[in-house]
Amino acid sequence: MQSLLKKPQNPKYSQRMSHTLYCRCAYAQVISGPVKNARLEQLCASGEEFEAVPDLCEMAATRDPRLAELARRDDLRIIACHPRAVKGLFTQAGCPLPPTAEIVNMHESPSAS
């Protein structure tokens, strides 16, 4: 599965505080298009570097090795759906998230993160 890594446009973001992963929820479509697009626009406007993946559920179902790489990070921030679901996906794939992982729920307001 291919992901998209967005490079920061603003030099002040070169010292990033976390590795942000954005899930497009492409297959399950649990999150509405307008909500996903609003969150993506917010991320792009922030200048923050982030990685976008088509669907974490699909990655977990196929045990994508990228999940294990991500789970080893202590600076991981995931923008996806419900935190319990995201934690469960990583656990199902055999690579539980570290306690330091931050999960932003896209079901909540985009301004919440």
PDB file of N, CA and C in Angstrom:
ATOM      1  N   MET A   1       0.837  -1.168   0.000  1.00  0.00           N
ATOM      2  CA  MET A   1       0.000   0.000   0.000  1.00  0.00           C
ATOM      3  C   MET A   1       0.885   1.234   0.000  1.00  0.00           C
ATOM      4  N   GLN A   2       0.551   2.172  -0.828  1.00  0.00           N
ATOM      5  CA  GLN A   2       1.347   3.377  -0.955  1.00  0.00           C
ATOM      6  C   GLN A   2       0.794   4.471  -0.051  1.00  0.00           C
ATOM      7  N   SER A   3       1.660   5.250   0.516  1.00  0.00           N
ATOM      8  CA  SER A   3       1.220   6.377   1.326  1.00  0.00           C
ATOM      9  C   SER A   3       1.796   7.650   0.725  1.00  0.00           C
ATOM     10  N   LEU A   4       1.223   8.743   1.133  1.00  0.00           N
ATOM     11  CA  LEU A   4       1.641  10.050   0.652  1.00  0.00           C
ATOM     12  C   LEU A   4       2.253  10.797   1.820  1.00  0.00           C
ATOM     13  N   LEU A   5       3.470  11.261   1.659  1.00  0.00           N
ATOM     14  CA  LEU A   5       4.133  12.024   2.707  1.00  0.00           C
ATOM     15  C   LEU A   5       4.190  13.463   2.260  1.00  0.00           C
ATOM     16  N   LYS A   6       3.528  14.339   2.999  1.00  0.00           N
ATOM     17  CA  LYS A   6       3.495  15.753   2.648  1.00  0.00           C
ATOM     18  C   LYS A   6       4.627  16.455   3.379  1.00  0.00           C
ATOM     19  N   LYS A   7       5.438  17.157   2.651  1.00  0.00           N
ATOM     20  CA  LYS A   7       6.548  17.908   3.239  1.00  0.00           C
ATOM     21  C   LYS A   7       6.051  19.278   3.687  1.00  0.00           C
ATOM     22  N   PRO A   8       6.574  19.780   4.800  1.00  0.00           N
ATOM     23  CA  PRO A   8       6.142  21.085   5.275  1.00  0.00           C
ATOM     24  C   PRO A   8       6.560  22.194   4.319  1.00  0.00           C
ATOM     25  N   GLN A   9       5.693  23.177   4.152  1.00  0.00           N
ATOM     26  CA  GLN A   9       5.974  24.321   3.295  1.00  0.00           C
ATOM     27  C   GLN A   9       6.649  25.449   4.067  1.00  0.00           C
ATOM     28  N   ASN A  10       6.509  25.436   5.358  1.00  0.00           N
ATOM     29  CA  ASN A  10       7.003  26.506   6.202  1.00  0.00           C
ATOM     30  C   ASN A  10       8.232  26.015   6.976  1.00  0.00           C
ATOM     31  N   PRO A  11       9.372  26.720   6.894  1.00  0.00           N
ATOM     32  CA  PRO A  11      10.584  26.257   7.579  1.00  0.00           C
ATOM     33  C   PRO A  11      10.426  26.090   9.078  1.00  0.00           C
ATOM     34  N   LYS A  12       9.487  26.817   9.706  1.00  0.00           N
ATOM     35  CA  LYS A  12       9.332  26.696  11.152  1.00  0.00           C
ATOM     36  C   LYS A  12       8.847  25.302  11.547  1.00  0.00           C
ATOM     37  N   TYR A  13       8.342  24.524  10.589  1.00  0.00           N
ATOM     38  CA  TYR A  13       7.854  23.186  10.871  1.00  0.00           C
ATOM     39  C   TYR A  13       8.915  22.115  10.636  1.00  0.00           C
ATOM     40  N   SER A  14      10.140  22.505  10.321  1.00  0.00           N
ATOM     41  CA  SER A  14      11.175  21.510  10.064  1.00  0.00           C
ATOM     42  C   SER A  14      11.506  20.716  11.331  1.00  0.00           C
ATOM     43  N   GLN A  15      11.292  21.298  12.491  1.00  0.00           N
ATOM     44  CA  GLN A  15      11.495  20.600  13.759  1.00  0.00           C
ATOM     45  C   GLN A  15      10.138  20.086  14.232  1.00  0.00           C
ATOM     46  N   ARG A  16       9.624  19.048  13.577  1.00  0.00           N
ATOM     47  CA  ARG A  16       8.289  18.578  13.916  1.00  0.00           C
ATOM     48  C   ARG A  16       8.289  17.849  15.254  1.00  0.00           C
ATOM     49  N   MET A  17       7.167  17.945  15.928  1.00  0.00           N
ATOM     50  CA  MET A  17       7.033  17.361  17.247  1.00  0.00           C
ATOM     51  C   MET A  17       6.515  15.928  17.188  1.00  0.00           C
ATOM     52  N   SER A  18       5.812  15.568  16.109  1.00  0.00           N
ATOM     53  CA  SER A  18       5.265  14.225  16.027  1.00  0.00           C
ATOM     54  C   SER A  18       5.211  13.777  14.576  1.00  0.00           C
ATOM     55  N   HIS A  19       5.059  12.489  14.412  1.00  0.00           N
ATOM     56  CA  HIS A  19       4.857  11.923  13.085  1.00  0.00           C
ATOM     57  C   HIS A  19       3.357  11.711  12.949  1.00  0.00           C
ATOM     58  N   THR A  20       2.714  12.480  12.077  1.00  0.00           N
ATOM     59  CA  THR A  20       1.268  12.416  11.928  1.00  0.00           C
ATOM     60  C   THR A  20       0.898  11.499  10.775  1.00  0.00           C
ATOM     61  N   LEU A  21      -0.025  10.597  11.054  1.00  0.00           N
ATOM     62  CA  LEU A  21      -0.556   9.672  10.067  1.00  0.00           C
ATOM     63  C   LEU A  21      -2.036   9.995   9.883  1.00  0.00           C
ATOM     64  N   TYR A  22      -2.432  10.233   8.647  1.00  0.00           N
ATOM     65  CA  TYR A  22      -3.821  10.569   8.332  1.00  0.00           C
ATOM     66  C   TYR A  22      -4.437   9.426   7.539  1.00  0.00           C
ATOM     67  N   CYS A  23      -5.548   8.893   8.001  1.00  0.00           N
ATOM     68  CA  CYS A  23      -6.235   7.794   7.325  1.00  0.00           C
ATOM     69  C   CYS A  23      -7.393   8.351   6.505  1.00  0.00           C
ATOM     70  N   ARG A  24      -7.431   8.003   5.221  1.00  0.00           N
ATOM     71  CA  ARG A  24      -8.512   8.451   4.320  1.00  0.00           C
ATOM     72  C   ARG A  24      -9.780   7.616   4.462  1.00  0.00           C
ATOM     73  N   CYS A  25      -9.706   6.497   5.185  1.00  0.00           N
ATOM     74  CA  CYS A  25     -10.884   5.642   5.380  1.00  0.00           C
ATOM     75  C   CYS A  25     -11.566   5.378   4.035  1.00  0.00           C
ATOM     76  N   ALA A  26     -10.773   4.924   3.068  1.00  0.00           N
ATOM     77  CA  ALA A  26     -11.236   4.794   1.689  1.00  0.00           C
ATOM     78  C   ALA A  26     -12.176   3.623   1.461  1.00  0.00           C
ATOM     79  N   TYR A  27     -12.008   2.533   2.176  1.00  0.00           N
ATOM     80  CA  TYR A  27     -12.783   1.334   1.880  1.00  0.00           C
ATOM     81  C   TYR A  27     -13.982   1.171   2.798  1.00  0.00           C
ATOM     82  N   ALA A  28     -13.786   1.289   4.083  1.00  0.00           N
ATOM     83  CA  ALA A  28     -14.897   1.132   5.022  1.00  0.00           C
ATOM     84  C   ALA A  28     -15.848   2.327   4.956  1.00  0.00           C
ATOM     85  N   GLN A  29     -15.330   3.477   4.624  1.00  0.00           N
ATOM     86  CA  GLN A  29     -16.100   4.718   4.526  1.00  0.00           C
ATOM     87  C   GLN A  29     -16.943   4.971   5.781  1.00  0.00           C
ATOM     88  N   VAL A  30     -16.299   4.807   6.918  1.00  0.00           N
ATOM     89  CA  VAL A  30     -16.938   5.033   8.204  1.00  0.00           C
ATOM     90  C   VAL A  30     -17.099   6.530   8.478  1.00  0.00           C
ATOM     91  N   ILE A  31     -16.228   7.320   7.883  1.00  0.00           N
ATOM     92  CA  ILE A  31     -16.242   8.766   8.077  1.00  0.00           C
ATOM     93  C   ILE A  31     -16.674   9.423   6.766  1.00  0.00           C
ATOM     94  N   SER A  32     -17.553  10.393   6.849  1.00  0.00           N
ATOM     95  CA  SER A  32     -18.093  11.022   5.637  1.00  0.00           C
ATOM     96  C   SER A  32     -17.019  11.785   4.870  1.00  0.00           C
ATOM     97  N   GLY A  33     -17.210  11.884   3.570  1.00  0.00           N
ATOM     98  CA  GLY A  33     -16.276  12.598   2.705  1.00  0.00           C
ATOM     99  C   GLY A  33     -16.017  14.024   3.138  1.00  0.00           C
ATOM    100  N   PRO A  34     -17.072  14.808   3.438  1.00  0.00           N
ATOM    101  CA  PRO A  34     -16.836  16.188   3.860  1.00  0.00           C
ATOM    102  C   PRO A  34     -15.991  16.301   5.136  1.00  0.00           C
ATOM    103  N   VAL A  35     -16.180  15.378   6.070  1.00  0.00           N
ATOM    104  CA  VAL A  35     -15.397  15.403   7.318  1.00  0.00           C
ATOM    105  C   VAL A  35     -13.939  15.082   7.022  1.00  0.00           C
ATOM    106  N   LYS A  36     -13.709  14.032   6.204  1.00  0.00           N
ATOM    107  CA  LYS A  36     -12.334  13.665   5.850  1.00  0.00           C
ATOM    108  C   LYS A  36     -11.650  14.798   5.096  1.00  0.00           C
ATOM    109  N   ASN A  37     -12.360  15.403   4.170  1.00  0.00           N
ATOM    110  CA  ASN A  37     -11.782  16.487   3.377  1.00  0.00           C
ATOM    111  C   ASN A  37     -11.466  17.710   4.230  1.00  0.00           C
ATOM    112  N   ALA A  38     -12.354  18.020   5.171  1.00  0.00           N
ATOM    113  CA  ALA A  38     -12.109  19.167   6.058  1.00  0.00           C
ATOM    114  C   ALA A  38     -10.859  18.942   6.892  1.00  0.00           C
ATOM    115  N   ARG A  39     -10.694  17.719   7.411  1.00  0.00           N
ATOM    116  CA  ARG A  39      -9.517  17.421   8.235  1.00  0.00           C
ATOM    117  C   ARG A  39      -8.249  17.467   7.387  1.00  0.00           C
ATOM    118  N   LEU A  40      -8.334  16.949   6.152  1.00  0.00           N
ATOM    119  CA  LEU A  40      -7.178  16.973   5.259  1.00  0.00           C
ATOM    120  C   LEU A  40      -6.803  18.409   4.899  1.00  0.00           C
ATOM    121  N   GLU A  41      -7.794  19.234   4.617  1.00  0.00           N
ATOM    122  CA  GLU A  41      -7.521  20.645   4.318  1.00  0.00           C
ATOM    123  C   GLU A  41      -6.877  21.336   5.507  1.00  0.00           C
ATOM    124  N   GLN A  42      -7.352  21.023   6.696  1.00  0.00           N
ATOM    125  CA  GLN A  42      -6.787  21.604   7.912  1.00  0.00           C
ATOM    126  C   GLN A  42      -5.317  21.196   8.065  1.00  0.00           C
ATOM    127  N   LEU A  43      -5.026  19.933   7.813  1.00  0.00           N
ATOM    128  CA  LEU A  43      -3.645  19.457   7.899  1.00  0.00           C
ATOM    129  C   LEU A  43      -2.754  20.153   6.876  1.00  0.00           C
ATOM    130  N   CYS A  44      -3.232  20.241   5.639  1.00  0.00           N
ATOM    131  CA  CYS A  44      -2.450  20.885   4.578  1.00  0.00           C
ATOM    132  C   CYS A  44      -2.182  22.353   4.901  1.00  0.00           C
ATOM    133  N   ALA A  45      -3.180  23.038   5.421  1.00  0.00           N
ATOM    134  CA  ALA A  45      -3.039  24.459   5.751  1.00  0.00           C
ATOM    135  C   ALA A  45      -2.095  24.679   6.926  1.00  0.00           C
ATOM    136  N   SER A  46      -1.945  23.677   7.788  1.00  0.00           N
ATOM    137  CA  SER A  46      -1.106  23.837   8.979  1.00  0.00           C
ATOM    138  C   SER A  46       0.381  23.888   8.644  1.00  0.00           C
ATOM    139  N   GLY A  47       0.749  23.349   7.484  1.00  0.00           N
ATOM    140  CA  GLY A  47       2.165  23.278   7.146  1.00  0.00           C
ATOM    141  C   GLY A  47       2.875  22.121   7.811  1.00  0.00           C
ATOM    142  N   GLU A  48       2.141  21.364   8.613  1.00  0.00           N
ATOM    143  CA  GLU A  48       2.695  20.213   9.322  1.00  0.00           C
ATOM    144  C   GLU A  48       2.986  19.091   8.339  1.00  0.00           C
ATOM    145  N   GLU A  49       4.078  18.396   8.524  1.00  0.00           N
ATOM    146  CA  GLU A  49       4.392  17.233   7.712  1.00  0.00           C
ATOM    147  C   GLU A  49       3.505  16.086   8.170  1.00  0.00           C
ATOM    148  N   PHE A  50       2.920  15.369   7.216  1.00  0.00           N
ATOM    149  CA  PHE A  50       2.097  14.231   7.579  1.00  0.00           C
ATOM    150  C   PHE A  50       2.152  13.165   6.492  1.00  0.00           C
ATOM    151  N   GLU A  51       1.759  11.971   6.880  1.00  0.00           N
ATOM    152  CA  GLU A  51       1.696  10.848   5.962  1.00  0.00           C
ATOM    153  C   GLU A  51       0.236  10.452   5.827  1.00  0.00           C
ATOM    154  N   ALA A  52      -0.246  10.314   4.598  1.00  0.00           N
ATOM    155  CA  ALA A  52      -1.629   9.905   4.355  1.00  0.00           C
ATOM    156  C   ALA A  52      -1.646   8.480   3.821  1.00  0.00           C
ATOM    157  N   VAL A  53      -2.531   7.666   4.394  1.00  0.00           N
ATOM    158  CA  VAL A  53      -2.705   6.300   3.906  1.00  0.00           C
ATOM    159  C   VAL A  53      -4.163   6.124   3.496  1.00  0.00           C
ATOM    160  N   PRO A  54      -4.422   5.273   2.501  1.00  0.00           N
ATOM    161  CA  PRO A  54      -5.798   5.095   2.045  1.00  0.00           C
ATOM    162  C   PRO A  54      -6.737   4.547   3.119  1.00  0.00           C
ATOM    163  N   ASP A  55      -6.300   3.515   3.875  1.00  0.00           N
ATOM    164  CA  ASP A  55      -7.227   2.896   4.817  1.00  0.00           C
ATOM    165  C   ASP A  55      -6.477   2.036   5.839  1.00  0.00           C
ATOM    166  N   LEU A  56      -6.546   2.433   7.113  1.00  0.00           N
ATOM    167  CA  LEU A  56      -5.887   1.659   8.174  1.00  0.00           C
ATOM    168  C   LEU A  56      -6.531   0.290   8.353  1.00  0.00           C
ATOM    169  N   CYS A  57      -7.840   0.198   8.152  1.00  0.00           N
ATOM    170  CA  CYS A  57      -8.510  -1.105   8.288  1.00  0.00           C
ATOM    171  C   CYS A  57      -7.940  -2.111   7.297  1.00  0.00           C
ATOM    172  N   GLU A  58      -7.770  -1.673   6.073  1.00  0.00           N
ATOM    173  CA  GLU A  58      -7.216  -2.552   5.041  1.00  0.00           C
ATOM    174  C   GLU A  58      -5.768  -2.907   5.354  1.00  0.00           C
ATOM    175  N   MET A  59      -5.021  -1.944   5.853  1.00  0.00           N
ATOM    176  CA  MET A  59      -3.625  -2.206   6.220  1.00  0.00           C
ATOM    177  C   MET A  59      -3.553  -3.256   7.326  1.00  0.00           C
ATOM    178  N   ALA A  60      -4.454  -3.166   8.311  1.00  0.00           N
ATOM    179  CA  ALA A  60      -4.474  -4.137   9.403  1.00  0.00           C
ATOM    180  C   ALA A  60      -4.909  -5.509   8.897  1.00  0.00           C
ATOM    181  N   ALA A  61      -5.898  -5.530   8.016  1.00  0.00           N
ATOM    182  CA  ALA A  61      -6.397  -6.809   7.493  1.00  0.00           C
ATOM    183  C   ALA A  61      -5.317  -7.561   6.721  1.00  0.00           C
ATOM    184  N   THR A  62      -4.456  -6.822   6.045  1.00  0.00           N
ATOM    185  CA  THR A  62      -3.385  -7.462   5.269  1.00  0.00           C
ATOM    186  C   THR A  62      -2.067  -7.524   6.042  1.00  0.00           C
ATOM    187  N   ARG A  63      -2.116  -7.065   7.292  1.00  0.00           N
ATOM    188  CA  ARG A  63      -0.915  -7.020   8.143  1.00  0.00           C
ATOM    189  C   ARG A  63       0.245  -6.309   7.440  1.00  0.00           C
ATOM    190  N   ASP A  64      -0.077  -5.147   6.933  1.00  0.00           N
ATOM    191  CA  ASP A  64       0.919  -4.328   6.234  1.00  0.00           C
ATOM    192  C   ASP A  64       2.105  -4.077   7.168  1.00  0.00           C
ATOM    193  N   PRO A  65       3.336  -4.361   6.716  1.00  0.00           N
ATOM    194  CA  PRO A  65       4.515  -4.169   7.572  1.00  0.00           C
ATOM    195  C   PRO A  65       4.717  -2.716   8.000  1.00  0.00           C
ATOM    196  N   ARG A  66       4.133  -1.793   7.290  1.00  0.00           N
ATOM    197  CA  ARG A  66       4.251  -0.370   7.652  1.00  0.00           C
ATOM    198  C   ARG A  66       3.637  -0.102   9.027  1.00  0.00           C
ATOM    199  N   LEU A  67       2.603  -0.861   9.404  1.00  0.00           N
ATOM    200  CA  LEU A  67       1.987  -0.673  10.723  1.00  0.00           C
ATOM    201  C   LEU A  67       2.975  -0.944  11.846  1.00  0.00           C
ATOM    202  N   ALA A  68       3.797  -1.982  11.685  1.00  0.00           N
ATOM    203  CA  ALA A  68       4.803  -2.297  12.708  1.00  0.00           C
ATOM    204  C   ALA A  68       5.820  -1.166  12.814  1.00  0.00           C
ATOM    205  N   GLU A  69       6.214  -0.613  11.680  1.00  0.00           N
ATOM    206  CA  GLU A  69       7.157   0.522  11.688  1.00  0.00           C
ATOM    207  C   GLU A  69       6.542   1.700  12.432  1.00  0.00           C
ATOM    208  N   LEU A  70       5.288   1.975  12.148  1.00  0.00           N
ATOM    209  CA  LEU A  70       4.612   3.095  12.803  1.00  0.00           C
ATOM    210  C   LEU A  70       4.468   2.850  14.300  1.00  0.00           C
ATOM    211  N   ALA A  71       4.122   1.632  14.680  1.00  0.00           N
ATOM    212  CA  ALA A  71       3.909   1.308  16.097  1.00  0.00           C
ATOM    213  C   ALA A  71       5.186   1.421  16.916  1.00  0.00           C
ATOM    214  N   ARG A  72       6.333   1.364  16.276  1.00  0.00           N
ATOM    215  CA  ARG A  72       7.605   1.511  16.994  1.00  0.00           C
ATOM    216  C   ARG A  72       7.936   2.970  17.302  1.00  0.00           C
ATOM    217  N   ARG A  73       7.217   3.886  16.718  1.00  0.00           N
ATOM    218  CA  ARG A  73       7.499   5.309  16.938  1.00  0.00           C
ATOM    219  C   ARG A  73       6.934   5.762  18.282  1.00  0.00           C
ATOM    220  N   ASP A  74       7.672   6.606  18.979  1.00  0.00           N
ATOM    221  CA  ASP A  74       7.150   7.143  20.235  1.00  0.00           C
ATOM    222  C   ASP A  74       6.557   8.541  20.043  1.00  0.00           C
ATOM    223  N   ASP A  75       6.546   9.003  18.793  1.00  0.00           N
ATOM    224  CA  ASP A  75       6.021  10.340  18.493  1.00  0.00           C
ATOM    225  C   ASP A  75       4.845  10.269  17.517  1.00  0.00           C
ATOM    226  N   LEU A  76       4.109   9.159  17.542  1.00  0.00           N
ATOM    227  CA  LEU A  76       3.059   8.916  16.560  1.00  0.00           C
ATOM    228  C   LEU A  76       1.749   9.611  16.927  1.00  0.00           C
ATOM    229  N   ARG A  77       1.186  10.280  15.955  1.00  0.00           N
ATOM    230  CA  ARG A  77      -0.136  10.911  16.069  1.00  0.00           C
ATOM    231  C   ARG A  77      -0.953  10.403  14.887  1.00  0.00           C
ATOM    232  N   ILE A  78      -2.095   9.787  15.172  1.00  0.00           N
ATOM    233  CA  ILE A  78      -2.922   9.197  14.125  1.00  0.00           C
ATOM    234  C   ILE A  78      -4.247   9.942  14.061  1.00  0.00           C
ATOM    235  N   ILE A  79      -4.582  10.400  12.865  1.00  0.00           N
ATOM    236  CA  ILE A  79      -5.875  11.041  12.645  1.00  0.00           C
ATOM    237  C   ILE A  79      -6.709  10.045  11.872  1.00  0.00           C
ATOM    238  N   ALA A  80      -7.719   9.496  12.533  1.00  0.00           N
ATOM    239  CA  ALA A  80      -8.526   8.428  11.944  1.00  0.00           C
ATOM    240  C   ALA A  80      -9.909   8.431  12.596  1.00  0.00           C
ATOM    241  N   CYS A  81     -10.373   7.248  12.981  1.00  0.00           N
ATOM    242  CA  CYS A  81     -11.693   7.161  13.601  1.00  0.00           C
ATOM    243  C   CYS A  81     -11.550   6.985  15.114  1.00  0.00           C
ATOM    244  N   HIS A  82     -12.434   6.231  15.700  1.00  0.00           N
ATOM    245  CA  HIS A  82     -12.450   6.077  17.157  1.00  0.00           C
ATOM    246  C   HIS A  82     -11.143   5.486  17.682  1.00  0.00           C
ATOM    247  N   PRO A  83     -10.583   6.062  18.737  1.00  0.00           N
ATOM    248  CA  PRO A  83      -9.313   5.561  19.288  1.00  0.00           C
ATOM    249  C   PRO A  83      -9.327   4.069  19.608  1.00  0.00           C
ATOM    250  N   ARG A  84     -10.412   3.565  20.168  1.00  0.00           N
ATOM    251  CA  ARG A  84     -10.454   2.132  20.501  1.00  0.00           C
ATOM    252  C   ARG A  84     -10.362   1.275  19.246  1.00  0.00           C
ATOM    253  N   ALA A  85     -10.952   1.747  18.140  1.00  0.00           N
ATOM    254  CA  ALA A  85     -10.889   1.004  16.876  1.00  0.00           C
ATOM    255  C   ALA A  85      -9.463   1.022  16.315  1.00  0.00           C
ATOM    256  N   VAL A  86      -8.824   2.184  16.365  1.00  0.00           N
ATOM    257  CA  VAL A  86      -7.460   2.302  15.843  1.00  0.00           C
ATOM    258  C   VAL A  86      -6.515   1.421  16.652  1.00  0.00           C
ATOM    259  N   LYS A  87      -6.629   1.468  17.976  1.00  0.00           N
ATOM    260  CA  LYS A  87      -5.787   0.613  18.827  1.00  0.00           C
ATOM    261  C   LYS A  87      -6.032  -0.859  18.504  1.00  0.00           C
ATOM    262  N   GLY A  88      -7.300  -1.221  18.308  1.00  0.00           N
ATOM    263  CA  GLY A  88      -7.645  -2.599  17.983  1.00  0.00           C
ATOM    264  C   GLY A  88      -7.062  -3.050  16.651  1.00  0.00           C
ATOM    265  N   LEU A  89      -7.048  -2.153  15.667  1.00  0.00           N
ATOM    266  CA  LEU A  89      -6.484  -2.490  14.357  1.00  0.00           C
ATOM    267  C   LEU A  89      -4.998  -2.809  14.454  1.00  0.00           C
ATOM    268  N   PHE A  90      -4.279  -1.975  15.186  1.00  0.00           N
ATOM    269  CA  PHE A  90      -2.842  -2.215  15.341  1.00  0.00           C
ATOM    270  C   PHE A  90      -2.599  -3.506  16.125  1.00  0.00           C
ATOM    271  N   THR A  91      -3.398  -3.759  17.152  1.00  0.00           N
ATOM    272  CA  THR A  91      -3.254  -4.984  17.928  1.00  0.00           C
ATOM    273  C   THR A  91      -3.564  -6.200  17.060  1.00  0.00           C
ATOM    274  N   GLN A  92      -4.638  -6.119  16.266  1.00  0.00           N
ATOM    275  CA  GLN A  92      -5.013  -7.218  15.362  1.00  0.00           C
ATOM    276  C   GLN A  92      -3.884  -7.532  14.383  1.00  0.00           C
ATOM    277  N   ALA A  93      -3.166  -6.492  13.972  1.00  0.00           N
ATOM    278  CA  ALA A  93      -2.068  -6.672  13.021  1.00  0.00           C
ATOM    279  C   ALA A  93      -0.788  -7.157  13.708  1.00  0.00           C
ATOM    280  N   GLY A  94      -0.847  -7.343  15.036  1.00  0.00           N
ATOM    281  CA  GLY A  94       0.304  -7.866  15.761  1.00  0.00           C
ATOM    282  C   GLY A  94       1.308  -6.816  16.179  1.00  0.00           C
ATOM    283  N   CYS A  95       0.895  -5.558  16.181  1.00  0.00           N
ATOM    284  CA  CYS A  95       1.827  -4.489  16.555  1.00  0.00           C
ATOM    285  C   CYS A  95       1.081  -3.421  17.367  1.00  0.00           C
ATOM    286  N   PRO A  96       0.831  -3.697  18.646  1.00  0.00           N
ATOM    287  CA  PRO A  96       0.100  -2.742  19.479  1.00  0.00           C
ATOM    288  C   PRO A  96       0.786  -1.377  19.520  1.00  0.00           C
ATOM    289  N   LEU A  97      -0.026  -0.351  19.628  1.00  0.00           N
ATOM    290  CA  LEU A  97       0.502   1.014  19.700  1.00  0.00           C
ATOM    291  C   LEU A  97       1.145   1.272  21.056  1.00  0.00           C
ATOM    292  N   PRO A  98       2.165   2.112  21.075  1.00  0.00           N
ATOM    293  CA  PRO A  98       2.761   2.481  22.359  1.00  0.00           C
ATOM    294  C   PRO A  98       1.813   3.424  23.111  1.00  0.00           C
ATOM    295  N   PRO A  99       1.954   3.515  24.418  1.00  0.00           N
ATOM    296  CA  PRO A  99       1.082   4.398  25.200  1.00  0.00           C
ATOM    297  C   PRO A  99       1.246   5.872  24.820  1.00  0.00           C
ATOM    298  N   THR A 100       2.337   6.207  24.168  1.00  0.00           N
ATOM    299  CA  THR A 100       2.572   7.602  23.776  1.00  0.00           C
ATOM    300  C   THR A 100       1.822   7.994  22.505  1.00  0.00           C
ATOM    301  N   ALA A 101       1.243   7.031  21.800  1.00  0.00           N
ATOM    302  CA  ALA A 101       0.535   7.340  20.547  1.00  0.00           C
ATOM    303  C   ALA A 101      -0.700   8.202  20.837  1.00  0.00           C
ATOM    304  N   GLU A 102      -0.858   9.251  20.060  1.00  0.00           N
ATOM    305  CA  GLU A 102      -2.031  10.113  20.164  1.00  0.00           C
ATOM    306  C   GLU A 102      -2.964   9.766  19.012  1.00  0.00           C
ATOM    307  N   ILE A 103      -4.236   9.551  19.332  1.00  0.00           N
ATOM    308  CA  ILE A 103      -5.216   9.237  18.298  1.00  0.00           C
ATOM    309  C   ILE A 103      -6.270  10.329  18.288  1.00  0.00           C
ATOM    310  N   VAL A 104      -6.389  10.993  17.134  1.00  0.00           N
ATOM    311  CA  VAL A 104      -7.372  12.061  16.951  1.00  0.00           C
ATOM    312  C   VAL A 104      -8.573  11.460  16.240  1.00  0.00           C
ATOM    313  N   ASN A 105      -9.720  11.606  16.839  1.00  0.00           N
ATOM    314  CA  ASN A 105     -10.954  11.029  16.322  1.00  0.00           C
ATOM    315  C   ASN A 105     -11.589  11.988  15.306  1.00  0.00           C
ATOM    316  N   MET A 106     -11.634  11.577  14.032  1.00  0.00           N
ATOM    317  CA  MET A 106     -12.226  12.439  13.007  1.00  0.00           C
ATOM    318  C   MET A 106     -13.727  12.585  13.156  1.00  0.00           C
ATOM    319  N   HIS A 107     -14.356  11.757  13.996  1.00  0.00           N
ATOM    320  CA  HIS A 107     -15.780  11.910  14.239  1.00  0.00           C
ATOM    321  C   HIS A 107     -16.070  13.156  15.069  1.00  0.00           C
ATOM    322  N   GLU A 108     -15.015  13.693  15.685  1.00  0.00           N
ATOM    323  CA  GLU A 108     -15.142  14.923  16.450  1.00  0.00           C
ATOM    324  C   GLU A 108     -14.808  16.111  15.572  1.00  0.00           C
ATOM    325  N   SER A 109     -15.064  17.283  16.025  1.00  0.00           N
ATOM    326  CA  SER A 109     -14.845  18.509  15.253  1.00  0.00           C
ATOM    327  C   SER A 109     -13.400  18.632  14.803  1.00  0.00           C
ATOM    328  N   PRO A 110     -13.154  19.017  13.503  1.00  0.00           N
ATOM    329  CA  PRO A 110     -11.775  19.200  13.020  1.00  0.00           C
ATOM    330  C   PRO A 110     -10.989  20.210  13.829  1.00  0.00           C
ATOM    331  N   SER A 111     -11.660  21.146  14.464  1.00  0.00           N
ATOM    332  CA  SER A 111     -10.933  22.152  15.248  1.00  0.00           C
ATOM    333  C   SER A 111     -10.500  21.614  16.604  1.00  0.00           C
ATOM    334  N   ALA A 112     -10.876  20.366  16.899  1.00  0.00           N
ATOM    335  CA  ALA A 112     -10.558  19.802  18.212  1.00  0.00           C
ATOM    336  C   ALA A 112      -9.116  19.405  18.372  1.00  0.00           C
ATOM    337  N   SER A 113      -8.356  19.259  17.263  1.00  0.00           N
ATOM    338  CA  SER A 113      -6.963  18.823  17.418  1.00  0.00           C
ATOM    339  C   SER A 113      -5.976  19.923  17.190  1.00  0.00           C
TER     340      SER A 113
END
